[in-house]
Amino acid sequence: GVSPAVAAVKLPGPPAEVWMHHLEVQGVMTSVGSACQAKKKDISPALLALGLNEKDARQVLRVSFCSHSEARDVEAALECMGAVERQLCPAER
C-alpha cells in the first residue's frame, strides 16, 4: 500500500480549482487549499506562510492518500493528471 499522506502539488496553467474539476470528471478526487480552509474561498494561510504568492498559491492542488491506496491508484491518478495537463496546457508542451 501507499503511506497515508497528503501531497500539495503546484500545477502549471490555470488555477488548481480548474484542475480539480477536470480530474473529478475522470474519477480522481482532489481538493484545493488546505483542509482547514476547505469551506472558504480564501487563499490558504499555510501556503502563503510557505512563501508562495497569491497566484502560485491558487495553483496548488491537494492530493490525499490513505492506507488503502495502492501504487496502481497513484499511477492511475498520475495518468489522469497527464491527460488533464495536455488538455489545459497545450501551449506549454
N, C-alpha and C. Protein backbone atom coordinates (compact mmCIF):
# COMPACT_ATOMS: atom_id res chain seq x y z
N GLY A 1 0.81 -1.19 0.00
CA GLY A 1 0.00 0.00 0.00
C GLY A 1 0.85 1.24 0.00
N VAL A 2 0.19 2.36 -0.08
CA VAL A 2 0.83 3.67 -0.09
C VAL A 2 0.76 4.24 1.32
N SER A 3 1.79 4.94 1.71
CA SER A 3 1.80 5.58 3.02
C SER A 3 0.71 6.65 3.08
N PRO A 4 -0.09 6.68 4.15
CA PRO A 4 -1.09 7.74 4.27
C PRO A 4 -0.40 9.10 4.33
N ALA A 5 -0.73 9.96 3.41
CA ALA A 5 -0.07 11.26 3.34
C ALA A 5 -0.91 12.21 2.51
N VAL A 6 -0.56 13.47 2.59
CA VAL A 6 -1.18 14.49 1.76
C VAL A 6 -0.06 15.15 0.97
N ALA A 7 -0.24 15.24 -0.33
CA ALA A 7 0.74 15.90 -1.18
C ALA A 7 0.14 17.17 -1.73
N ALA A 8 0.90 18.24 -1.68
CA ALA A 8 0.49 19.50 -2.28
C ALA A 8 1.33 19.69 -3.53
N VAL A 9 0.65 19.89 -4.67
CA VAL A 9 1.33 19.96 -5.95
C VAL A 9 0.99 21.28 -6.62
N LYS A 10 2.02 22.06 -6.97
CA LYS A 10 1.80 23.30 -7.73
C LYS A 10 1.77 22.93 -9.20
N LEU A 11 0.66 23.24 -9.84
CA LEU A 11 0.43 22.84 -11.23
C LEU A 11 0.56 24.02 -12.18
N PRO A 12 0.91 23.75 -13.42
CA PRO A 12 1.01 24.83 -14.41
C PRO A 12 -0.36 25.25 -14.92
N GLY A 13 -0.38 26.36 -15.62
CA GLY A 13 -1.61 26.78 -16.29
C GLY A 13 -2.63 27.40 -15.37
N PRO A 14 -3.89 26.95 -15.50
CA PRO A 14 -5.00 27.57 -14.77
C PRO A 14 -4.94 27.26 -13.27
N PRO A 15 -5.77 27.95 -12.49
CA PRO A 15 -5.82 27.66 -11.05
C PRO A 15 -6.14 26.19 -10.76
N ALA A 16 -5.70 25.73 -9.61
CA ALA A 16 -5.89 24.32 -9.23
C ALA A 16 -7.36 23.92 -9.20
N GLU A 17 -8.25 24.87 -8.93
CA GLU A 17 -9.67 24.55 -8.90
C GLU A 17 -10.15 24.02 -10.26
N VAL A 18 -9.62 24.57 -11.33
CA VAL A 18 -9.96 24.10 -12.68
C VAL A 18 -9.46 22.66 -12.86
N TRP A 19 -8.23 22.40 -12.44
CA TRP A 19 -7.68 21.04 -12.49
C TRP A 19 -8.57 20.09 -11.69
N MET A 20 -8.95 20.53 -10.48
CA MET A 20 -9.76 19.69 -9.58
C MET A 20 -11.04 19.23 -10.28
N HIS A 21 -11.72 20.15 -10.96
CA HIS A 21 -12.98 19.80 -11.63
C HIS A 21 -12.73 18.85 -12.81
N HIS A 22 -11.68 19.08 -13.57
CA HIS A 22 -11.36 18.19 -14.69
C HIS A 22 -10.99 16.78 -14.19
N LEU A 23 -10.25 16.72 -13.10
CA LEU A 23 -9.86 15.41 -12.54
C LEU A 23 -11.08 14.69 -11.96
N GLU A 24 -11.98 15.43 -11.34
CA GLU A 24 -13.18 14.83 -10.75
C GLU A 24 -14.00 14.11 -11.81
N VAL A 25 -14.10 14.69 -13.01
CA VAL A 25 -14.83 14.06 -14.10
C VAL A 25 -14.23 12.70 -14.44
N GLN A 26 -12.92 12.56 -14.24
CA GLN A 26 -12.23 11.30 -14.53
C GLN A 26 -12.16 10.38 -13.31
N GLY A 27 -12.82 10.78 -12.23
CA GLY A 27 -12.87 9.92 -11.04
C GLY A 27 -11.73 10.12 -10.07
N VAL A 28 -10.93 11.16 -10.26
CA VAL A 28 -9.82 11.44 -9.35
C VAL A 28 -10.24 12.60 -8.46
N MET A 29 -10.42 12.31 -7.19
CA MET A 29 -10.91 13.31 -6.25
C MET A 29 -9.72 14.00 -5.57
N THR A 30 -9.67 15.31 -5.69
CA THR A 30 -8.61 16.12 -5.10
C THR A 30 -9.28 17.31 -4.41
N SER A 31 -8.46 18.21 -3.89
CA SER A 31 -9.01 19.42 -3.28
C SER A 31 -8.00 20.55 -3.46
N VAL A 32 -8.44 21.74 -3.15
CA VAL A 32 -7.57 22.90 -3.25
C VAL A 32 -7.42 23.53 -1.88
N GLY A 33 -6.39 24.33 -1.71
CA GLY A 33 -6.17 24.99 -0.43
C GLY A 33 -5.73 24.00 0.63
N SER A 34 -6.19 24.22 1.84
CA SER A 34 -5.86 23.33 2.94
C SER A 34 -7.16 22.84 3.57
N ALA A 35 -7.09 21.77 4.31
CA ALA A 35 -8.30 21.20 4.91
C ALA A 35 -9.02 22.21 5.80
N CYS A 36 -8.26 23.02 6.53
CA CYS A 36 -8.90 23.99 7.43
C CYS A 36 -9.54 25.15 6.66
N GLN A 37 -9.22 25.29 5.38
CA GLN A 37 -9.79 26.36 4.57
C GLN A 37 -10.80 25.82 3.55
N ALA A 38 -11.14 24.54 3.65
CA ALA A 38 -11.93 23.88 2.61
C ALA A 38 -13.26 24.56 2.30
N LYS A 39 -13.91 25.13 3.30
CA LYS A 39 -15.21 25.77 3.09
C LYS A 39 -15.11 27.24 2.70
N LYS A 40 -13.90 27.77 2.77
CA LYS A 40 -13.69 29.18 2.47
C LYS A 40 -13.09 29.33 1.09
N LYS A 41 -13.27 30.49 0.50
CA LYS A 41 -12.67 30.77 -0.80
C LYS A 41 -11.34 31.50 -0.66
N ASP A 42 -10.93 31.77 0.58
CA ASP A 42 -9.68 32.49 0.81
C ASP A 42 -8.49 31.61 0.45
N ILE A 43 -7.38 32.25 0.22
CA ILE A 43 -6.14 31.52 -0.02
C ILE A 43 -5.66 30.95 1.30
N SER A 44 -5.14 29.75 1.27
CA SER A 44 -4.65 29.11 2.47
C SER A 44 -3.51 29.90 3.10
N PRO A 45 -3.65 30.29 4.37
CA PRO A 45 -2.55 30.97 5.05
C PRO A 45 -1.29 30.10 5.12
N ALA A 46 -1.48 28.78 5.15
CA ALA A 46 -0.33 27.88 5.21
C ALA A 46 0.51 28.00 3.93
N LEU A 47 -0.16 28.09 2.79
CA LEU A 47 0.58 28.21 1.52
C LEU A 47 1.29 29.56 1.45
N LEU A 48 0.65 30.61 1.93
CA LEU A 48 1.29 31.92 1.95
C LEU A 48 2.48 31.92 2.91
N ALA A 49 2.35 31.22 4.04
CA ALA A 49 3.45 31.13 5.01
C ALA A 49 4.65 30.39 4.44
N LEU A 50 4.40 29.52 3.47
CA LEU A 50 5.50 28.81 2.82
C LEU A 50 6.24 29.69 1.82
N GLY A 51 5.72 30.90 1.61
CA GLY A 51 6.39 31.84 0.72
C GLY A 51 5.78 31.94 -0.66
N LEU A 52 4.66 31.26 -0.90
CA LEU A 52 4.01 31.37 -2.20
C LEU A 52 3.26 32.68 -2.30
N ASN A 53 3.26 33.29 -3.49
CA ASN A 53 2.43 34.46 -3.68
C ASN A 53 1.01 33.98 -3.96
N GLU A 54 0.06 34.91 -4.05
CA GLU A 54 -1.35 34.52 -4.21
C GLU A 54 -1.59 33.72 -5.48
N LYS A 55 -0.97 34.12 -6.61
CA LYS A 55 -1.16 33.40 -7.87
C LYS A 55 -0.66 31.96 -7.74
N ASP A 56 0.54 31.79 -7.21
CA ASP A 56 1.09 30.44 -7.06
C ASP A 56 0.27 29.61 -6.08
N ALA A 57 -0.19 30.23 -4.99
CA ALA A 57 -1.00 29.50 -4.01
C ALA A 57 -2.29 28.97 -4.63
N ARG A 58 -2.84 29.71 -5.58
CA ARG A 58 -4.08 29.26 -6.25
C ARG A 58 -3.82 28.12 -7.23
N GLN A 59 -2.56 27.80 -7.48
CA GLN A 59 -2.22 26.72 -8.40
C GLN A 59 -1.82 25.44 -7.66
N VAL A 60 -2.06 25.41 -6.36
CA VAL A 60 -1.70 24.24 -5.56
C VAL A 60 -2.92 23.32 -5.39
N LEU A 61 -2.73 22.08 -5.78
CA LEU A 61 -3.76 21.05 -5.67
C LEU A 61 -3.35 20.09 -4.56
N ARG A 62 -4.31 19.70 -3.72
CA ARG A 62 -4.03 18.78 -2.62
C ARG A 62 -4.51 17.39 -3.00
N VAL A 63 -3.62 16.42 -2.88
CA VAL A 63 -3.94 15.03 -3.18
C VAL A 63 -3.70 14.22 -1.91
N SER A 64 -4.71 13.49 -1.46
CA SER A 64 -4.60 12.72 -0.22
C SER A 64 -4.52 11.23 -0.53
N PHE A 65 -3.73 10.54 0.26
CA PHE A 65 -3.60 9.09 0.16
C PHE A 65 -3.93 8.48 1.50
N CYS A 66 -4.49 7.28 1.48
CA CYS A 66 -4.80 6.60 2.73
C CYS A 66 -4.09 5.25 2.74
N SER A 67 -4.21 4.54 3.83
CA SER A 67 -3.53 3.24 3.94
C SER A 67 -4.09 2.22 2.97
N HIS A 68 -5.27 2.49 2.39
CA HIS A 68 -5.86 1.58 1.42
C HIS A 68 -5.46 1.92 -0.02
N SER A 69 -4.79 3.04 -0.22
CA SER A 69 -4.34 3.42 -1.56
C SER A 69 -3.27 2.44 -2.02
N GLU A 70 -3.32 2.09 -3.27
CA GLU A 70 -2.34 1.18 -3.86
C GLU A 70 -1.48 1.95 -4.85
N ALA A 71 -0.34 1.42 -5.17
CA ALA A 71 0.55 2.07 -6.15
C ALA A 71 -0.19 2.26 -7.47
N ARG A 72 -1.03 1.30 -7.84
CA ARG A 72 -1.76 1.43 -9.11
C ARG A 72 -2.75 2.60 -9.06
N ASP A 73 -3.28 2.94 -7.86
CA ASP A 73 -4.16 4.09 -7.72
C ASP A 73 -3.39 5.38 -7.99
N VAL A 74 -2.19 5.45 -7.46
CA VAL A 74 -1.35 6.62 -7.67
C VAL A 74 -0.98 6.74 -9.15
N GLU A 75 -0.62 5.63 -9.76
CA GLU A 75 -0.27 5.62 -11.19
C GLU A 75 -1.46 6.07 -12.04
N ALA A 76 -2.65 5.59 -11.72
CA ALA A 76 -3.85 5.97 -12.48
C ALA A 76 -4.12 7.47 -12.32
N ALA A 77 -3.95 7.99 -11.11
CA ALA A 77 -4.16 9.42 -10.87
C ALA A 77 -3.15 10.24 -11.67
N LEU A 78 -1.90 9.79 -11.71
CA LEU A 78 -0.87 10.50 -12.47
C LEU A 78 -1.18 10.48 -13.96
N GLU A 79 -1.68 9.37 -14.45
CA GLU A 79 -2.07 9.29 -15.87
C GLU A 79 -3.19 10.29 -16.17
N CYS A 80 -4.17 10.38 -15.28
CA CYS A 80 -5.26 11.34 -15.46
C CYS A 80 -4.73 12.77 -15.41
N MET A 81 -3.80 13.03 -14.50
CA MET A 81 -3.22 14.37 -14.42
C MET A 81 -2.49 14.72 -15.71
N GLY A 82 -1.81 13.76 -16.30
CA GLY A 82 -1.14 13.98 -17.58
C GLY A 82 -2.13 14.31 -18.68
N ALA A 83 -3.26 13.59 -18.70
CA ALA A 83 -4.29 13.84 -19.71
C ALA A 83 -4.90 15.23 -19.52
N VAL A 84 -5.12 15.62 -18.27
CA VAL A 84 -5.68 16.94 -17.99
C VAL A 84 -4.66 18.02 -18.37
N GLU A 85 -3.40 17.77 -18.10
CA GLU A 85 -2.36 18.75 -18.48
C GLU A 85 -2.35 18.97 -19.99
N ARG A 86 -2.44 17.89 -20.75
CA ARG A 86 -2.45 18.02 -22.20
C ARG A 86 -3.66 18.83 -22.67
N GLN A 87 -4.76 18.71 -21.95
CA GLN A 87 -5.98 19.43 -22.28
C GLN A 87 -5.90 20.91 -21.88
N LEU A 88 -5.41 21.17 -20.67
CA LEU A 88 -5.41 22.53 -20.13
C LEU A 88 -4.20 23.36 -20.51
N CYS A 89 -3.09 22.71 -20.82
CA CYS A 89 -1.83 23.42 -21.04
C CYS A 89 -1.18 23.02 -22.37
N PRO A 90 -1.89 23.02 -23.47
CA PRO A 90 -1.28 22.55 -24.73
C PRO A 90 -0.10 23.40 -25.19
N ALA A 91 -0.11 24.68 -24.87
CA ALA A 91 0.98 25.56 -25.32
C ALA A 91 2.27 25.33 -24.53
N GLU A 92 2.18 24.71 -23.36
CA GLU A 92 3.35 24.51 -22.52
C GLU A 92 4.10 23.23 -22.86
N ARG A 93 3.66 22.51 -23.86
CA ARG A 93 4.32 21.26 -24.24
C ARG A 93 5.35 21.50 -25.29
